[in-house]
Amino acid sequence: LAPEKTISDHLKRTLQNLKEKDFKQFKWKLNEFPVKEEFPVKEEFENIPTCDLENADAVEVSNLLIKYYTKDYAVQVTIGVLKAISCNQQADDLLCATNEISKN
């Protein structure tokens, strides 16, 4: 039996599966937060510093998302950024995958 996938696993997989240009755009858009009209970041959270994002790979970015935003909110932020960069299918896939976890 395969171990259950965690939110962290799904975040990493989603970011690893982005095309290189989409991943770069993801990091750029993530650094723009809060983008009020597209996805306002909650007040109690702060932006991930540019220097941390600049050379980070998908695993490092997913860890930063969880560190700065907590697991549940990291998923919301990731989905918001994916939609903002027109990666709607990836956003929907992540939402479905993480909804399964919250049901269990």
N, C-alpha and C. Protein backbone atom coordinates (compact mmCIF):
# COMPACT_ATOMS: atom_id res chain seq x y z
N LEU A 1 0.84 -1.19 0.00
CA LEU A 1 0.00 0.00 0.00
C LEU A 1 0.88 1.25 0.00
N ALA A 2 0.62 2.14 -0.92
CA ALA A 2 1.39 3.39 -1.01
C ALA A 2 0.98 4.31 0.14
N PRO A 3 1.95 5.04 0.70
CA PRO A 3 1.59 5.98 1.77
C PRO A 3 0.70 7.10 1.23
N GLU A 4 -0.13 7.62 2.12
CA GLU A 4 -1.02 8.72 1.74
C GLU A 4 -0.19 9.95 1.35
N LYS A 5 -0.63 10.63 0.32
CA LYS A 5 0.03 11.88 -0.10
C LYS A 5 -0.39 13.00 0.86
N THR A 6 0.56 13.85 1.19
CA THR A 6 0.28 14.98 2.07
C THR A 6 0.07 16.25 1.24
N ILE A 7 -0.35 17.30 1.89
CA ILE A 7 -0.49 18.60 1.22
C ILE A 7 0.87 19.02 0.66
N SER A 8 1.90 18.81 1.44
CA SER A 8 3.26 19.14 1.00
C SER A 8 3.63 18.38 -0.28
N ASP A 9 3.29 17.10 -0.33
CA ASP A 9 3.55 16.29 -1.53
C ASP A 9 2.84 16.86 -2.75
N HIS A 10 1.59 17.24 -2.57
CA HIS A 10 0.80 17.76 -3.69
C HIS A 10 1.33 19.12 -4.16
N LEU A 11 1.73 19.97 -3.22
CA LEU A 11 2.32 21.26 -3.60
C LEU A 11 3.60 21.04 -4.41
N LYS A 12 4.47 20.18 -3.91
CA LYS A 12 5.73 19.90 -4.61
C LYS A 12 5.47 19.35 -6.00
N ARG A 13 4.57 18.37 -6.10
CA ARG A 13 4.29 17.77 -7.40
C ARG A 13 3.72 18.79 -8.38
N THR A 14 2.82 19.63 -7.89
CA THR A 14 2.22 20.65 -8.76
C THR A 14 3.29 21.59 -9.31
N LEU A 15 4.18 22.06 -8.44
CA LEU A 15 5.22 23.00 -8.88
C LEU A 15 6.26 22.32 -9.76
N GLN A 16 6.59 21.07 -9.46
CA GLN A 16 7.56 20.33 -10.28
C GLN A 16 7.02 20.07 -11.68
N ASN A 17 5.72 19.96 -11.81
CA ASN A 17 5.10 19.67 -13.11
C ASN A 17 4.85 20.90 -13.97
N LEU A 18 5.13 22.09 -13.44
CA LEU A 18 4.97 23.30 -14.25
C LEU A 18 6.09 23.36 -15.28
N LYS A 19 5.77 23.92 -16.45
CA LYS A 19 6.81 24.19 -17.45
C LYS A 19 7.73 25.24 -16.85
N GLU A 20 8.98 25.26 -17.32
CA GLU A 20 9.98 26.19 -16.75
C GLU A 20 9.50 27.64 -16.79
N LYS A 21 8.94 28.07 -17.92
CA LYS A 21 8.49 29.47 -18.01
C LYS A 21 7.32 29.74 -17.04
N ASP A 22 6.44 28.74 -16.87
CA ASP A 22 5.33 28.91 -15.92
C ASP A 22 5.84 28.95 -14.48
N PHE A 23 6.86 28.15 -14.17
CA PHE A 23 7.41 28.15 -12.82
C PHE A 23 8.07 29.50 -12.52
N LYS A 24 8.79 30.05 -13.50
CA LYS A 24 9.40 31.38 -13.31
C LYS A 24 8.31 32.43 -13.08
N GLN A 25 7.26 32.34 -13.88
CA GLN A 25 6.15 33.29 -13.75
C GLN A 25 5.45 33.10 -12.40
N PHE A 26 5.33 31.86 -11.96
CA PHE A 26 4.73 31.56 -10.66
C PHE A 26 5.51 32.28 -9.55
N LYS A 27 6.84 32.14 -9.57
CA LYS A 27 7.67 32.77 -8.53
C LYS A 27 7.57 34.29 -8.60
N TRP A 28 7.54 34.84 -9.82
CA TRP A 28 7.42 36.29 -9.97
C TRP A 28 6.08 36.78 -9.42
N LYS A 29 5.01 36.08 -9.77
CA LYS A 29 3.67 36.48 -9.33
C LYS A 29 3.53 36.29 -7.83
N LEU A 30 4.10 35.21 -7.30
CA LEU A 30 4.06 34.95 -5.86
C LEU A 30 4.74 36.09 -5.11
N ASN A 31 5.81 36.60 -5.67
CA ASN A 31 6.55 37.69 -5.04
C ASN A 31 5.79 39.00 -5.09
N GLU A 32 4.82 39.12 -6.00
CA GLU A 32 4.01 40.34 -6.12
C GLU A 32 2.93 40.44 -5.05
N PHE A 33 2.72 39.36 -4.33
CA PHE A 33 1.63 39.36 -3.34
C PHE A 33 1.77 40.50 -2.37
N PRO A 34 0.68 41.07 -1.88
CA PRO A 34 -0.68 40.74 -2.27
C PRO A 34 -1.09 41.44 -3.57
N VAL A 35 -1.73 40.70 -4.42
CA VAL A 35 -2.29 41.26 -5.65
C VAL A 35 -3.78 41.42 -5.36
N LYS A 36 -4.14 42.59 -4.88
CA LYS A 36 -5.49 42.82 -4.35
C LYS A 36 -6.61 42.37 -5.28
N GLU A 37 -6.52 42.76 -6.55
CA GLU A 37 -7.63 42.46 -7.46
C GLU A 37 -7.69 40.98 -7.84
N GLU A 38 -6.57 40.28 -7.78
CA GLU A 38 -6.57 38.88 -8.19
C GLU A 38 -6.67 37.94 -6.99
N PHE A 39 -5.90 38.21 -5.97
CA PHE A 39 -5.88 37.32 -4.82
C PHE A 39 -5.25 38.03 -3.64
N PRO A 40 -6.06 38.63 -2.78
CA PRO A 40 -5.48 39.36 -1.65
C PRO A 40 -4.92 38.40 -0.60
N VAL A 41 -3.69 38.62 -0.17
CA VAL A 41 -3.09 37.76 0.86
C VAL A 41 -3.63 38.22 2.22
N LYS A 42 -3.86 37.27 3.11
CA LYS A 42 -4.38 37.60 4.44
C LYS A 42 -3.38 38.46 5.19
N GLU A 43 -3.90 39.37 5.99
CA GLU A 43 -3.06 40.35 6.68
C GLU A 43 -2.03 39.74 7.61
N GLU A 44 -2.36 38.62 8.23
CA GLU A 44 -1.43 38.05 9.22
C GLU A 44 -0.21 37.36 8.60
N PHE A 45 -0.19 37.28 7.27
CA PHE A 45 0.92 36.63 6.58
C PHE A 45 1.78 37.66 5.86
N GLU A 46 3.05 37.33 5.66
CA GLU A 46 3.95 38.25 4.95
C GLU A 46 4.47 37.57 3.68
N ASN A 47 4.95 38.40 2.77
CA ASN A 47 5.50 37.88 1.52
C ASN A 47 6.78 37.08 1.74
N ILE A 48 6.99 36.12 0.86
CA ILE A 48 8.27 35.40 0.85
C ILE A 48 9.29 36.35 0.22
N PRO A 49 10.43 36.58 0.86
CA PRO A 49 11.42 37.50 0.31
C PRO A 49 11.92 37.07 -1.07
N THR A 50 12.13 38.06 -1.94
CA THR A 50 12.62 37.81 -3.30
C THR A 50 13.90 36.98 -3.28
N CYS A 51 14.82 37.29 -2.36
CA CYS A 51 16.10 36.58 -2.33
C CYS A 51 15.91 35.09 -2.05
N ASP A 52 14.83 34.72 -1.33
CA ASP A 52 14.56 33.30 -1.06
C ASP A 52 13.96 32.61 -2.27
N LEU A 53 13.20 33.35 -3.07
CA LEU A 53 12.52 32.76 -4.22
C LEU A 53 13.39 32.67 -5.47
N GLU A 54 14.28 33.64 -5.61
CA GLU A 54 15.03 33.82 -6.85
C GLU A 54 15.58 32.54 -7.47
N ASN A 55 16.39 31.81 -6.73
CA ASN A 55 17.03 30.61 -7.27
C ASN A 55 16.43 29.32 -6.72
N ALA A 56 15.28 29.43 -6.09
CA ALA A 56 14.65 28.26 -5.46
C ALA A 56 14.05 27.33 -6.51
N ASP A 57 14.20 26.02 -6.28
CA ASP A 57 13.55 25.05 -7.16
C ASP A 57 12.15 24.75 -6.61
N ALA A 58 11.44 23.85 -7.25
CA ALA A 58 10.05 23.57 -6.89
C ALA A 58 9.92 23.07 -5.45
N VAL A 59 10.84 22.21 -5.03
CA VAL A 59 10.78 21.68 -3.65
C VAL A 59 11.00 22.80 -2.65
N GLU A 60 11.98 23.66 -2.91
CA GLU A 60 12.27 24.78 -2.01
C GLU A 60 11.10 25.77 -1.96
N VAL A 61 10.50 26.05 -3.11
CA VAL A 61 9.35 26.97 -3.13
C VAL A 61 8.18 26.39 -2.36
N SER A 62 7.91 25.10 -2.52
CA SER A 62 6.80 24.51 -1.78
C SER A 62 7.07 24.54 -0.27
N ASN A 63 8.32 24.33 0.12
CA ASN A 63 8.67 24.44 1.55
C ASN A 63 8.51 25.87 2.06
N LEU A 64 8.90 26.85 1.24
CA LEU A 64 8.73 28.26 1.61
C LEU A 64 7.25 28.62 1.74
N LEU A 65 6.43 28.11 0.83
CA LEU A 65 4.99 28.37 0.89
C LEU A 65 4.42 27.89 2.23
N ILE A 66 4.81 26.70 2.63
CA ILE A 66 4.30 26.14 3.89
C ILE A 66 4.87 26.91 5.09
N LYS A 67 6.15 27.26 5.02
CA LYS A 67 6.79 28.00 6.12
C LYS A 67 6.12 29.36 6.33
N TYR A 68 5.86 30.07 5.23
CA TYR A 68 5.31 31.43 5.34
C TYR A 68 3.79 31.47 5.48
N TYR A 69 3.09 30.49 4.92
CA TYR A 69 1.63 30.57 4.85
C TYR A 69 0.89 29.44 5.56
N THR A 70 1.56 28.48 6.17
CA THR A 70 0.95 27.27 6.75
C THR A 70 0.37 26.40 5.63
N LYS A 71 0.17 25.13 5.91
CA LYS A 71 -0.22 24.19 4.84
C LYS A 71 -1.51 24.56 4.13
N ASP A 72 -2.59 24.77 4.90
CA ASP A 72 -3.88 25.03 4.26
C ASP A 72 -3.87 26.33 3.46
N TYR A 73 -3.29 27.38 4.02
CA TYR A 73 -3.28 28.65 3.31
C TYR A 73 -2.30 28.61 2.14
N ALA A 74 -1.22 27.82 2.26
CA ALA A 74 -0.27 27.67 1.15
C ALA A 74 -0.98 27.12 -0.09
N VAL A 75 -1.91 26.20 0.12
CA VAL A 75 -2.69 25.65 -1.00
C VAL A 75 -3.53 26.75 -1.64
N GLN A 76 -4.20 27.56 -0.81
CA GLN A 76 -5.02 28.66 -1.35
C GLN A 76 -4.16 29.65 -2.13
N VAL A 77 -3.01 29.99 -1.57
CA VAL A 77 -2.10 30.93 -2.23
C VAL A 77 -1.62 30.35 -3.57
N THR A 78 -1.22 29.08 -3.54
CA THR A 78 -0.73 28.43 -4.76
C THR A 78 -1.81 28.40 -5.83
N ILE A 79 -3.02 28.05 -5.45
CA ILE A 79 -4.13 28.01 -6.41
C ILE A 79 -4.39 29.42 -6.96
N GLY A 80 -4.37 30.42 -6.08
CA GLY A 80 -4.58 31.80 -6.52
C GLY A 80 -3.52 32.26 -7.51
N VAL A 81 -2.26 31.92 -7.25
CA VAL A 81 -1.17 32.32 -8.15
C VAL A 81 -1.26 31.55 -9.46
N LEU A 82 -1.54 30.25 -9.39
CA LEU A 82 -1.68 29.46 -10.61
C LEU A 82 -2.77 30.04 -11.52
N LYS A 83 -3.89 30.42 -10.92
CA LYS A 83 -4.98 31.01 -11.72
C LYS A 83 -4.56 32.36 -12.29
N ALA A 84 -3.80 33.13 -11.51
CA ALA A 84 -3.34 34.45 -11.97
C ALA A 84 -2.40 34.34 -13.16
N ILE A 85 -1.70 33.20 -13.29
CA ILE A 85 -0.79 33.02 -14.43
C ILE A 85 -1.39 32.09 -15.48
N SER A 86 -2.70 31.89 -15.40
CA SER A 86 -3.46 31.09 -16.38
C SER A 86 -3.09 29.61 -16.40
N CYS A 87 -2.67 29.08 -15.27
CA CYS A 87 -2.44 27.63 -15.13
C CYS A 87 -3.66 27.04 -14.41
N ASN A 88 -4.81 27.20 -15.05
CA ASN A 88 -6.07 26.82 -14.41
C ASN A 88 -6.21 25.32 -14.18
N GLN A 89 -5.72 24.52 -15.11
CA GLN A 89 -5.82 23.07 -14.95
C GLN A 89 -5.01 22.61 -13.74
N GLN A 90 -3.80 23.15 -13.59
CA GLN A 90 -2.97 22.79 -12.44
C GLN A 90 -3.62 23.24 -11.14
N ALA A 91 -4.26 24.42 -11.16
CA ALA A 91 -4.96 24.91 -9.97
C ALA A 91 -6.11 23.98 -9.61
N ASP A 92 -6.88 23.57 -10.61
CA ASP A 92 -8.01 22.66 -10.37
C ASP A 92 -7.53 21.30 -9.85
N ASP A 93 -6.44 20.79 -10.44
CA ASP A 93 -5.89 19.50 -10.02
C ASP A 93 -5.43 19.56 -8.55
N LEU A 94 -4.76 20.64 -8.19
CA LEU A 94 -4.29 20.80 -6.81
C LEU A 94 -5.48 20.90 -5.85
N LEU A 95 -6.49 21.64 -6.24
CA LEU A 95 -7.69 21.77 -5.42
C LEU A 95 -8.34 20.42 -5.19
N CYS A 96 -8.50 19.65 -6.25
CA CYS A 96 -9.11 18.31 -6.13
C CYS A 96 -8.27 17.40 -5.23
N ALA A 97 -6.98 17.39 -5.45
CA ALA A 97 -6.07 16.52 -4.68
C ALA A 97 -6.09 16.87 -3.20
N THR A 98 -6.08 18.16 -2.89
CA THR A 98 -6.03 18.57 -1.48
C THR A 98 -7.40 18.49 -0.83
N ASN A 99 -8.48 18.60 -1.60
CA ASN A 99 -9.82 18.40 -1.04
C ASN A 99 -10.00 16.97 -0.56
N GLU A 100 -9.40 16.02 -1.27
CA GLU A 100 -9.47 14.61 -0.87
C GLU A 100 -8.82 14.43 0.50
N ILE A 101 -7.71 15.13 0.74
CA ILE A 101 -7.01 15.02 2.03
C ILE A 101 -7.88 15.58 3.15
N SER A 102 -8.50 16.74 2.92
CA SER A 102 -9.29 17.34 3.98
C SER A 102 -10.56 16.55 4.30
N LYS A 103 -11.00 15.72 3.35
CA LYS A 103 -12.18 14.88 3.61
C LYS A 103 -11.84 13.71 4.54
N ASN A 104 -10.58 13.25 4.48
CA ASN A 104 -10.17 12.08 5.27
C ASN A 104 -9.88 12.42 6.71
